[in-house]
Amino acid sequence: MCLRGAIDLPETGMLAAHGRAKEDLLAEVERDRAGVEPKVLTLGFARRAATYKRATLLFTDPERLQAIAKKAGGLQIIYAGKAHPQDEPGKALIRQVVEEAAKLSDENLRIVYLENYAWDLGAKLTAGADVWVNTPKRPYEASGTSGMKAALNGVPAFRFWMDGGLRAALKA
């Protein structure tokens, strides 16, 4: 596929395509959980559950996350993923995200973790999220393919690496 002509695509057509992808994603979410809304900013985070991927980083400052959700007029964070059957820390990470979701979800902030993660759900997430979230611990992220898939669907990616240089700058 050649993307050379993508610059000439009409913005309304791209927004409509994303809207349809978001509707497909939210319909999938609604099968398990209620309360997601198509007009609310939706963050996506789906991948193999591994501790270096830091799925819980968004929960570091829960009061700030809830304030951001309120100021934005609502925020939805949709998680999905699986841990390897023998990866106990990965399984614990999923439990932690589910527990944090239960504690933090309110009228402005909806956090869900979708079960039975598979390729088809991953495709819906990378196409239907408004922003793709990637929070790996450096240098463990191999290639960032989920962010690439999101980008190919016109979804911007938010990548956050907390490395030594940034830590030093924040302390200054």
Protein backbone atom coordinates (compact mmCIF):
# COMPACT_ATOMS: atom_id res chain seq x y z
CA MET A 1 0.00 0.00 0.00
CA CYS A 2 1.29 3.46 -0.87
CA LEU A 3 0.58 6.34 1.49
CA ARG A 4 1.92 8.98 -0.89
CA GLY A 5 -1.60 10.24 -1.67
CA ALA A 6 -2.76 10.29 1.96
CA ILE A 7 -2.10 14.03 2.19
CA ASP A 8 -4.93 14.57 -0.29
CA LEU A 9 -7.52 12.59 1.67
CA PRO A 10 -10.37 14.79 2.87
CA GLU A 11 -10.30 15.41 6.61
CA THR A 12 -14.03 14.75 6.93
CA GLY A 13 -13.58 11.31 5.38
CA MET A 14 -10.75 10.45 7.76
CA LEU A 15 -12.76 11.62 10.78
CA ALA A 16 -15.77 9.61 9.61
CA ALA A 17 -13.60 6.48 9.19
CA HIS A 18 -12.18 6.93 12.68
CA GLY A 19 -15.69 7.47 14.04
CA ARG A 20 -16.80 4.14 12.57
CA ALA A 21 -13.73 2.39 14.01
CA LYS A 22 -14.44 3.92 17.42
CA GLU A 23 -18.06 2.78 17.25
CA ASP A 24 -16.87 -0.78 16.51
CA LEU A 25 -14.49 -0.65 19.47
CA LEU A 26 -17.09 0.73 21.88
CA ALA A 27 -19.64 -1.86 20.74
CA GLU A 28 -17.08 -4.52 21.70
CA VAL A 29 -16.55 -2.86 25.08
CA GLU A 30 -20.30 -2.65 25.70
CA ARG A 31 -20.59 -6.44 25.43
CA ASP A 32 -18.78 -6.69 28.75
CA ARG A 33 -19.24 -3.35 30.43
CA ALA A 34 -21.62 -0.41 30.26
CA GLY A 35 -20.91 3.26 30.34
CA VAL A 36 -18.57 4.05 27.45
CA GLU A 37 -19.49 7.00 25.25
CA PRO A 38 -18.49 7.73 21.63
CA LYS A 39 -17.87 11.45 22.22
CA VAL A 40 -15.54 10.94 25.19
CA LEU A 41 -11.76 10.96 24.71
CA THR A 42 -10.65 7.32 24.63
CA LEU A 43 -7.14 6.08 25.41
CA GLY A 44 -6.11 2.60 24.31
CA PHE A 45 -3.55 0.30 25.90
CA ALA A 46 -3.44 -3.31 24.68
CA ARG A 47 -0.55 -5.73 24.53
CA ARG A 48 1.02 -8.69 26.26
CA ALA A 49 0.89 -8.05 29.99
CA ALA A 50 4.49 -7.66 31.08
CA THR A 51 5.77 -5.55 33.95
CA TYR A 52 8.23 -3.57 31.80
CA LYS A 53 5.29 -2.24 29.76
CA ARG A 54 4.13 -0.40 32.92
CA ALA A 55 0.37 -0.57 32.42
CA THR A 56 -0.18 1.06 35.81
CA LEU A 57 1.93 4.16 35.14
CA LEU A 58 -1.21 6.20 34.42
CA PHE A 59 -2.35 5.49 38.00
CA THR A 60 0.76 7.00 39.63
CA ASP A 61 -1.13 10.19 40.55
CA PRO A 62 -4.82 9.20 40.76
CA GLU A 63 -6.05 12.63 41.85
CA ARG A 64 -4.38 14.24 38.87
CA LEU A 65 -5.79 11.62 36.50
CA GLN A 66 -9.29 12.25 37.82
CA ALA A 67 -8.79 16.04 37.55
CA ILE A 68 -7.66 15.66 33.93
CA ALA A 69 -10.72 13.50 33.19
CA LYS A 70 -13.03 16.10 34.71
CA LYS A 71 -11.39 19.01 32.87
CA ALA A 72 -11.54 17.07 29.56
CA GLY A 73 -15.26 16.46 29.96
CA GLY A 74 -14.63 12.76 30.54
CA LEU A 75 -11.96 10.21 29.82
CA GLN A 76 -12.14 6.52 28.95
CA ILE A 77 -9.13 4.23 29.22
CA ILE A 78 -9.52 0.84 27.61
CA TYR A 79 -6.98 -1.82 28.56
CA ALA A 80 -6.65 -5.30 27.08
CA GLY A 81 -3.98 -7.93 27.14
CA LYS A 82 -2.90 -11.34 28.28
CA ALA A 83 -0.08 -12.61 30.40
CA HIS A 84 1.86 -15.74 29.55
CA PRO A 85 0.32 -18.62 31.57
CA GLN A 86 3.52 -18.95 33.61
CA ASP A 87 4.11 -15.19 34.04
CA GLU A 88 2.89 -14.57 37.59
CA PRO A 89 4.04 -10.91 37.67
CA GLY A 90 2.14 -10.32 34.41
CA LYS A 91 -1.02 -11.85 35.87
CA ALA A 92 -0.58 -9.71 39.00
CA LEU A 93 -0.27 -6.63 36.78
CA ILE A 94 -3.63 -7.37 35.17
CA ARG A 95 -5.22 -7.79 38.61
CA GLN A 96 -3.71 -4.47 39.69
CA VAL A 97 -5.13 -2.63 36.64
CA VAL A 98 -8.57 -4.16 37.30
CA GLU A 99 -8.40 -3.14 40.98
CA GLU A 100 -7.30 0.41 40.13
CA ALA A 101 -10.07 0.65 37.53
CA ALA A 102 -12.65 -0.27 40.16
CA LYS A 103 -11.28 2.32 42.59
CA LEU A 104 -10.85 5.20 40.15
CA SER A 105 -13.78 4.91 37.77
CA ASP A 106 -16.44 7.54 38.35
CA GLU A 107 -18.77 9.79 36.32
CA ASN A 108 -15.78 11.45 34.57
CA LEU A 109 -13.29 8.59 34.37
CA ARG A 110 -14.14 5.16 32.99
CA ILE A 111 -11.40 2.51 33.04
CA VAL A 112 -12.07 -0.98 31.68
CA TYR A 113 -9.94 -4.06 31.14
CA LEU A 114 -11.21 -6.28 28.34
CA GLU A 115 -10.80 -10.02 28.73
CA ASN A 116 -10.05 -12.55 26.01
CA TYR A 117 -7.53 -10.37 24.20
CA ALA A 118 -6.84 -11.59 20.67
CA TRP A 119 -5.77 -10.17 17.32
CA ASP A 120 -9.27 -9.04 16.34
CA LEU A 121 -9.72 -7.07 19.56
CA GLY A 122 -6.23 -5.60 19.15
CA ALA A 123 -7.18 -4.39 15.67
CA LYS A 124 -10.33 -2.71 17.01
CA LEU A 125 -8.35 -1.03 19.77
CA THR A 126 -5.56 0.29 17.56
CA ALA A 127 -8.11 1.68 15.09
CA GLY A 128 -10.78 2.90 17.50
CA ALA A 129 -8.87 4.59 20.31
CA ASP A 130 -8.46 8.36 20.07
CA VAL A 131 -4.94 8.18 21.54
CA TRP A 132 -2.69 5.13 21.84
CA VAL A 133 -0.73 4.89 25.10
CA ASN A 134 2.69 3.28 25.34
CA THR A 135 4.62 3.48 28.62
CA PRO A 136 7.52 1.01 28.37
CA LYS A 137 10.52 0.90 30.63
CA ARG A 138 13.66 1.64 28.64
CA PRO A 139 15.39 -0.22 27.03
CA TYR A 140 13.00 -3.18 27.11
CA GLU A 141 10.57 -2.09 24.39
CA ALA A 142 11.66 -4.00 21.30
CA SER A 143 9.91 -2.19 18.49
CA GLY A 144 6.62 -0.61 19.55
CA THR A 145 4.47 -2.42 16.99
CA SER A 146 1.15 -1.56 18.67
CA GLY A 147 1.94 2.14 18.31
CA MET A 148 2.85 1.56 14.68
CA LYS A 149 -0.51 -0.15 14.07
CA ALA A 150 -2.29 2.75 15.74
CA ALA A 151 -0.40 5.26 13.59
CA LEU A 152 -1.34 3.36 10.43
CA ASN A 153 -4.96 3.83 11.52
CA GLY A 154 -4.48 7.57 12.01
CA VAL A 155 -4.41 7.31 15.81
CA PRO A 156 -1.76 9.43 17.52
CA ALA A 157 0.46 7.67 20.03
CA PHE A 158 1.46 8.98 23.42
CA ARG A 159 4.75 7.39 24.43
CA PHE A 160 6.24 8.00 27.82
CA TRP A 161 9.67 6.87 28.89
CA MET A 162 10.90 7.86 32.31
CA ASP A 163 14.62 7.64 31.88
CA GLY A 164 17.46 9.08 33.92
CA GLY A 165 17.69 12.31 31.94
CA LEU A 166 14.04 13.13 32.44
CA ARG A 167 14.19 12.22 36.12
CA ALA A 168 17.15 14.59 36.56
CA ALA A 169 15.29 17.37 34.74
CA LEU A 170 12.19 16.91 36.88
CA LYS A 171 14.26 17.15 40.07
CA ALA A 172 15.87 20.44 38.94
